[in-house]
Amino acid sequence: MKVVIIVFSPSGNTLKVAKMLEKNLLEKNVSVQFVDITRTRGLFRYRNFGQYLYKHVEKHDVLCIGSPVYAHHLHYNVQDLIKSLPPPVNGWGKLTLPFVTYGGINSGVALQEAGNLLKKTGRIPIAGMKINSQHSLTKIPQITVKVNEGMPGNEIGYLVEELSNKILNGEEYVDASKEFRYQNFKVRFKAKILFREKFWQKHLYPKQIIDCEKCIHCGKCVANCPVQRIEMIDKKPSISHGSPDCIHCGSCVALCPTNAITFDMNWNRWNQLLSKAAAGHGPLPSNEEPKSAVYGTINT
């Protein structure tokens, strides 16, 4: 059996889960190709996902795709990647498993979206997994509210084991996409009507600010931007024409040693918002249980 794991992981949470899954499969003597599209230069600028997939993905039996949840949704870069998948013929497997990580507040409809999109490509989502993780913004020093700090970790080992077993016994499982619709109507309605990630990103989210006078040219922002938006031009971090939009993961802000990069935002207000959401109050949380889970029913 050959398994391909494709992952997009701006803050590293989804990558940790994907690496745990890879390790578990390798220990079961399963052949694995690991494809991390994060920080792939040019991919997010030109959005040539189909060409990239044809070039880099090997023949396989099962395809696993990992993504973070952004504003209740499967990240739009992963949505576009799934839409660009070739049909499951000529060595591209028909069986698939999506998995998502979210910052402890709301996993939204991300897994449901993944299942629906994968089915449109002709694949069968035999299982799926959501993982409760550290909120990416809480890695920023200015955010004092820490949500699920250090997660995910060993606490999800049993879920990764369960998912890998479903991969090994894939032919015994039926389409699990209906199980991905675990959120109640209220959460699904909010996700559809209120949480519009691309619109928020362009018009509502705080602007990224680069103070070149504080910059020491260490290059951490360039190296760690998940969509390669930031470039070093004349020894200064810069945003050139045609660069991908900022996805507001906070990686550059969290890693800058001199606070040369920040967001134009009221940090106190964001701390209050996150504190309220982490406690399960306000419009953001789903208060879902279980927080982490594997979905997939055996064919009986």
Protein backbone atom coordinates (compact mmCIF):
# COMPACT_ATOMS: atom_id res chain seq x y z
CA MET A 1 0.00 0.00 0.00
CA LYS A 2 1.15 3.53 -0.80
CA VAL A 3 -0.17 6.56 1.12
CA VAL A 4 0.39 10.20 0.20
CA ILE A 5 0.06 12.86 2.91
CA ILE A 6 -0.33 16.44 1.67
CA VAL A 7 -0.27 19.13 4.33
CA PHE A 8 -0.55 22.92 4.60
CA SER A 9 0.48 24.11 8.06
CA PRO A 10 1.09 27.85 8.65
CA SER A 11 1.66 27.56 12.41
CA GLY A 12 3.01 24.01 12.54
CA ASN A 13 0.03 22.37 14.28
CA THR A 14 -1.23 20.48 11.25
CA LEU A 15 2.34 19.51 10.40
CA LYS A 16 2.77 17.91 13.83
CA VAL A 17 -0.34 15.80 13.29
CA ALA A 18 0.75 14.85 9.77
CA LYS A 19 4.19 13.78 11.02
CA MET A 20 2.58 11.66 13.75
CA LEU A 21 0.41 9.98 11.13
CA GLU A 22 3.41 9.38 8.87
CA LYS A 23 5.40 7.83 11.75
CA ASN A 24 2.50 5.57 12.72
CA LEU A 25 2.06 4.35 9.13
CA LEU A 26 5.77 3.73 8.65
CA GLU A 27 5.81 1.64 11.82
CA LYS A 28 3.09 -0.48 10.17
CA ASN A 29 5.36 -0.93 7.11
CA VAL A 30 3.19 1.31 4.94
CA SER A 31 4.96 3.24 2.17
CA VAL A 32 4.40 7.00 2.66
CA GLN A 33 5.13 10.06 0.53
CA PHE A 34 5.05 13.26 2.58
CA VAL A 35 4.27 16.48 0.67
CA ASP A 36 4.39 19.71 2.71
CA ILE A 37 3.23 22.58 0.49
CA THR A 38 3.80 25.21 3.21
CA ARG A 39 6.35 27.85 2.19
CA THR A 40 6.64 26.49 -1.34
CA ARG A 41 7.95 29.49 -3.24
CA GLY A 42 5.81 30.54 -6.19
CA LEU A 43 2.96 28.13 -5.44
CA PHE A 44 0.76 30.68 -3.68
CA ARG A 45 1.74 33.57 -5.91
CA TYR A 46 0.84 31.80 -9.15
CA ARG A 47 -1.65 29.32 -7.65
CA ASN A 48 -0.64 26.58 -10.07
CA PHE A 49 -1.82 23.82 -7.74
CA GLY A 50 -2.73 21.37 -10.49
CA GLN A 51 0.68 21.60 -12.14
CA TYR A 52 2.40 21.23 -8.76
CA LEU A 53 0.37 18.12 -7.89
CA TYR A 54 1.10 16.42 -11.23
CA LYS A 55 4.80 17.10 -10.79
CA HIS A 56 5.28 16.16 -7.14
CA VAL A 57 2.67 13.57 -6.09
CA GLU A 58 3.54 9.91 -6.69
CA LYS A 59 1.16 7.09 -7.53
CA HIS A 60 -0.75 6.00 -4.47
CA ASP A 61 -3.67 4.06 -3.03
CA VAL A 62 -4.82 6.50 -0.33
CA LEU A 63 -4.59 10.29 -0.22
CA CYS A 64 -4.55 12.17 3.11
CA ILE A 65 -4.89 15.97 3.16
CA GLY A 66 -4.25 18.09 6.25
CA SER A 67 -5.32 21.69 6.76
CA PRO A 68 -5.83 24.27 9.50
CA VAL A 69 -9.26 25.71 10.20
CA TYR A 70 -9.46 29.46 9.53
CA ALA A 71 -12.61 31.34 10.54
CA HIS A 72 -14.68 28.14 10.75
CA HIS A 73 -13.61 26.99 7.28
CA LEU A 74 -11.10 24.75 5.56
CA HIS A 75 -8.30 27.12 4.58
CA TYR A 76 -9.02 28.47 1.11
CA ASN A 77 -5.56 27.46 -0.15
CA VAL A 78 -6.36 23.84 0.69
CA GLN A 79 -9.80 24.20 -0.87
CA ASP A 80 -8.16 25.36 -4.10
CA LEU A 81 -5.63 22.53 -3.93
CA ILE A 82 -8.38 19.92 -3.59
CA LYS A 83 -10.27 21.44 -6.52
CA SER A 84 -7.08 21.03 -8.57
CA LEU A 85 -6.65 17.32 -7.81
CA PRO A 86 -6.57 15.08 -10.90
CA PRO A 87 -9.32 12.44 -11.07
CA PRO A 88 -8.58 9.17 -9.25
CA VAL A 89 -7.23 7.25 -12.24
CA ASN A 90 -3.79 6.35 -13.60
CA GLY A 91 -2.25 5.80 -10.18
CA TRP A 92 -4.21 8.42 -8.24
CA GLY A 93 -6.06 6.62 -5.44
CA LYS A 94 -9.81 6.77 -4.95
CA LEU A 95 -9.73 6.54 -1.15
CA THR A 96 -9.06 9.72 0.82
CA LEU A 97 -8.91 11.01 4.40
CA PRO A 98 -8.97 14.70 5.32
CA PHE A 99 -7.81 15.94 8.72
CA VAL A 100 -7.98 19.42 10.25
CA THR A 101 -6.55 21.24 13.25
CA TYR A 102 -8.22 24.18 14.97
CA GLY A 103 -7.37 26.57 17.78
CA GLY A 104 -9.63 25.15 20.46
CA ILE A 105 -12.57 27.45 19.80
CA ASN A 106 -14.44 26.17 16.77
CA SER A 107 -13.63 23.55 14.13
CA GLY A 108 -16.50 24.96 12.09
CA VAL A 109 -17.44 23.23 8.85
CA ALA A 110 -13.88 22.60 7.68
CA LEU A 111 -14.06 18.80 7.70
CA GLN A 112 -17.47 18.89 6.05
CA GLU A 113 -16.10 21.15 3.31
CA ALA A 114 -13.12 18.87 2.79
CA GLY A 115 -15.34 15.83 2.41
CA ASN A 116 -17.66 17.56 -0.05
CA LEU A 117 -14.80 18.87 -2.18
CA LEU A 118 -13.00 15.52 -2.24
CA LYS A 119 -16.19 13.76 -3.33
CA LYS A 120 -16.51 16.20 -6.23
CA THR A 121 -13.12 14.98 -7.47
CA GLY A 122 -14.47 11.43 -7.60
CA ARG A 123 -12.89 10.24 -4.34
CA ILE A 124 -14.38 8.45 -1.34
CA PRO A 125 -13.67 10.04 2.07
CA ILE A 126 -13.53 6.88 4.18
CA ALA A 127 -12.60 8.74 7.37
CA GLY A 128 -11.74 12.17 8.72
CA MET A 129 -10.19 13.67 11.83
CA LYS A 130 -10.34 16.96 13.73
CA ILE A 131 -7.68 17.86 16.28
CA ASN A 132 -7.91 20.42 19.07
CA SER A 133 -4.70 22.51 18.95
CA GLN A 134 -3.02 25.67 20.14
CA HIS A 135 -4.55 28.79 18.63
CA SER A 136 -1.98 30.18 16.19
CA LEU A 137 -2.44 33.79 17.31
CA THR A 138 -1.61 32.86 20.91
CA LYS A 139 1.98 32.28 19.78
CA ILE A 140 2.31 36.05 19.33
CA PRO A 141 3.93 37.68 22.41
CA GLN A 142 1.34 40.47 22.51
CA ILE A 143 -1.42 37.88 22.97
CA THR A 144 -1.41 37.02 26.65
CA VAL A 145 -4.30 34.55 26.48
CA LYS A 146 -2.88 31.10 25.81
CA VAL A 147 -5.30 28.61 24.26
CA ASN A 148 -4.20 24.95 24.30
CA GLU A 149 -0.53 25.86 24.66
CA GLY A 150 1.75 23.11 23.34
CA MET A 151 -1.07 21.13 21.71
CA PRO A 152 -1.33 18.87 19.82
CA GLY A 153 0.94 16.29 21.42
CA ASN A 154 0.92 12.78 22.76
CA GLU A 155 -2.68 13.20 23.92
CA ILE A 156 -3.86 12.51 20.35
CA GLY A 157 -1.77 9.40 19.81
CA TYR A 158 -4.77 7.10 20.09
CA LEU A 159 -6.66 9.09 17.44
CA VAL A 160 -3.73 8.96 15.01
CA GLU A 161 -3.56 5.21 15.63
CA GLU A 162 -7.28 4.92 14.88
CA LEU A 163 -6.94 6.92 11.67
CA SER A 164 -3.98 4.88 10.44
CA ASN A 165 -5.92 1.66 11.07
CA LYS A 166 -8.75 3.00 8.94
CA ILE A 167 -6.20 3.64 6.19
CA LEU A 168 -4.93 0.06 6.42
CA ASN A 169 -8.49 -1.28 6.21
CA GLY A 170 -9.76 1.33 3.78
CA GLU A 171 -11.72 -0.99 1.53
CA GLU A 172 -13.86 -2.02 4.51
CA TYR A 173 -15.11 1.53 5.09
CA VAL A 174 -17.92 3.42 3.41
CA ASP A 175 -18.25 7.09 2.51
CA ALA A 176 -17.92 8.91 5.84
CA SER A 177 -18.63 12.43 4.60
CA LYS A 178 -22.08 12.52 6.22
CA GLU A 179 -20.37 12.07 9.59
CA PHE A 180 -18.30 15.20 8.94
CA ARG A 181 -21.51 17.23 9.33
CA TYR A 182 -21.29 17.03 13.13
CA GLN A 183 -21.96 20.71 13.85
CA ASN A 184 -25.46 21.88 14.71
CA PHE A 185 -27.47 24.14 12.42
CA LYS A 186 -26.50 27.31 14.29
CA VAL A 187 -22.76 26.72 13.81
CA ARG A 188 -23.20 25.77 10.15
CA PHE A 189 -25.35 28.86 9.55
CA LYS A 190 -22.77 31.18 11.15
CA ALA A 191 -20.01 29.63 9.06
CA LYS A 192 -21.96 30.10 5.84
CA ILE A 193 -23.32 33.59 6.45
CA LEU A 194 -20.93 35.36 8.82
CA PHE A 195 -17.45 33.91 8.52
CA ARG A 196 -16.16 34.79 5.08
CA GLU A 197 -12.41 34.31 5.36
CA LYS A 198 -11.25 35.93 2.10
CA PHE A 199 -13.53 38.96 2.56
CA TRP A 200 -12.44 39.40 6.17
CA GLN A 201 -8.81 39.04 5.18
CA LYS A 202 -9.02 41.79 2.57
CA HIS A 203 -11.35 44.20 4.31
CA LEU A 204 -11.63 43.55 8.06
CA TYR A 205 -8.44 41.94 9.35
CA PRO A 206 -5.68 44.25 10.65
CA LYS A 207 -3.00 45.33 8.20
CA GLN A 208 0.51 43.96 8.36
CA ILE A 209 3.08 46.64 9.26
CA ILE A 210 6.84 46.36 8.60
CA ASP A 211 9.15 48.83 10.38
CA CYS A 212 12.40 48.58 8.41
CA GLU A 213 14.24 50.78 10.94
CA LYS A 214 13.81 48.07 13.57
CA CYS A 215 14.72 45.26 11.16
CA ILE A 216 18.08 43.47 11.71
CA HIS A 217 17.83 41.54 8.42
CA CYS A 218 17.70 38.12 10.11
CA GLY A 219 15.33 36.78 7.43
CA LYS A 220 13.09 34.86 9.84
CA CYS A 221 9.96 36.48 8.44
CA VAL A 222 10.93 35.52 4.89
CA ALA A 223 11.86 31.96 5.80
CA ASN A 224 8.72 31.31 7.85
CA CYS A 225 5.94 33.03 5.90
CA PRO A 226 3.72 30.07 4.93
CA VAL A 227 2.64 31.60 1.62
CA GLN A 228 5.99 33.30 0.88
CA ARG A 229 4.42 36.76 0.83
CA ILE A 230 7.47 38.49 2.33
CA GLU A 231 10.70 38.84 0.34
CA MET A 232 14.07 40.29 1.26
CA ILE A 233 14.74 43.12 -1.21
CA ASP A 234 17.81 45.33 -0.71
CA LYS A 235 18.24 43.69 2.71
CA LYS A 236 14.76 44.78 3.75
CA PRO A 237 11.63 42.65 4.22
CA SER A 238 9.28 43.77 1.48
CA ILE A 239 5.96 42.97 -0.16
CA SER A 240 6.25 43.06 -3.94
CA HIS A 241 3.50 43.50 -6.51
CA GLY A 242 1.62 40.25 -7.03
CA SER A 243 2.63 38.74 -3.70
CA PRO A 244 0.03 36.48 -2.07
CA ASP A 245 -2.33 38.06 0.43
CA CYS A 246 -1.39 37.83 4.11
CA ILE A 247 -3.31 34.97 5.71
CA HIS A 248 -2.87 36.46 9.21
CA CYS A 249 -1.31 33.37 10.74
CA GLY A 250 0.93 35.59 12.88
CA SER A 251 4.14 33.65 12.20
CA CYS A 252 6.17 36.69 11.17
CA VAL A 253 4.99 38.69 14.19
CA ALA A 254 5.68 35.83 16.60
CA LEU A 255 9.20 35.16 15.26
CA CYS A 256 10.52 38.69 14.70
CA PRO A 257 13.18 39.30 17.40
CA THR A 258 12.89 43.10 17.26
CA ASN A 259 9.12 43.56 16.83
CA ALA A 260 9.77 45.02 13.39
CA ILE A 261 6.65 43.29 12.07
CA THR A 262 3.26 43.67 13.67
CA PHE A 263 -0.43 44.05 12.91
CA ASP A 264 -2.26 47.35 13.12
CA MET A 265 -4.59 46.21 15.86
CA ASN A 266 -5.71 46.79 19.41
CA TRP A 267 -3.98 43.97 21.26
CA ASN A 268 -6.05 44.48 24.44
CA ARG A 269 -9.23 44.06 22.45
CA TRP A 270 -7.96 40.86 20.83
CA ASN A 271 -6.91 39.48 24.21
CA GLN A 272 -10.41 40.15 25.52
CA LEU A 273 -12.00 38.53 22.47
CA LEU A 274 -9.83 35.41 22.69
CA SER A 275 -10.31 35.15 26.44
CA LYS A 276 -14.07 35.24 26.02
CA ALA A 277 -14.02 32.77 23.14
CA ALA A 278 -11.69 30.37 24.98
CA ALA A 279 -14.19 30.34 27.85
CA GLY A 280 -16.93 29.30 25.42
CA HIS A 281 -18.76 32.63 25.29
CA GLY A 282 -19.67 35.03 22.49
CA PRO A 283 -20.37 34.34 18.79
CA LEU A 284 -17.18 32.38 18.01
CA PRO A 285 -17.25 29.08 19.97
CA SER A 286 -19.14 25.96 19.03
CA ASN A 287 -18.49 24.32 22.45
CA GLU A 288 -18.30 21.05 20.54
CA GLU A 289 -17.69 17.71 22.19
CA PRO A 290 -15.52 15.80 21.72
CA LYS A 291 -12.92 18.43 20.95
CA SER A 292 -10.84 15.94 18.93
CA ALA A 293 -12.30 12.97 17.07
CA VAL A 294 -11.99 10.50 14.22
CA TYR A 295 -15.01 9.92 11.99
CA GLY A 296 -15.59 6.87 9.81
CA THR A 297 -17.94 3.88 9.88
CA ILE A 298 -17.06 0.35 8.86
CA ASN A 299 -19.05 -1.18 6.01
CA THR A 300 -21.36 -3.78 7.50
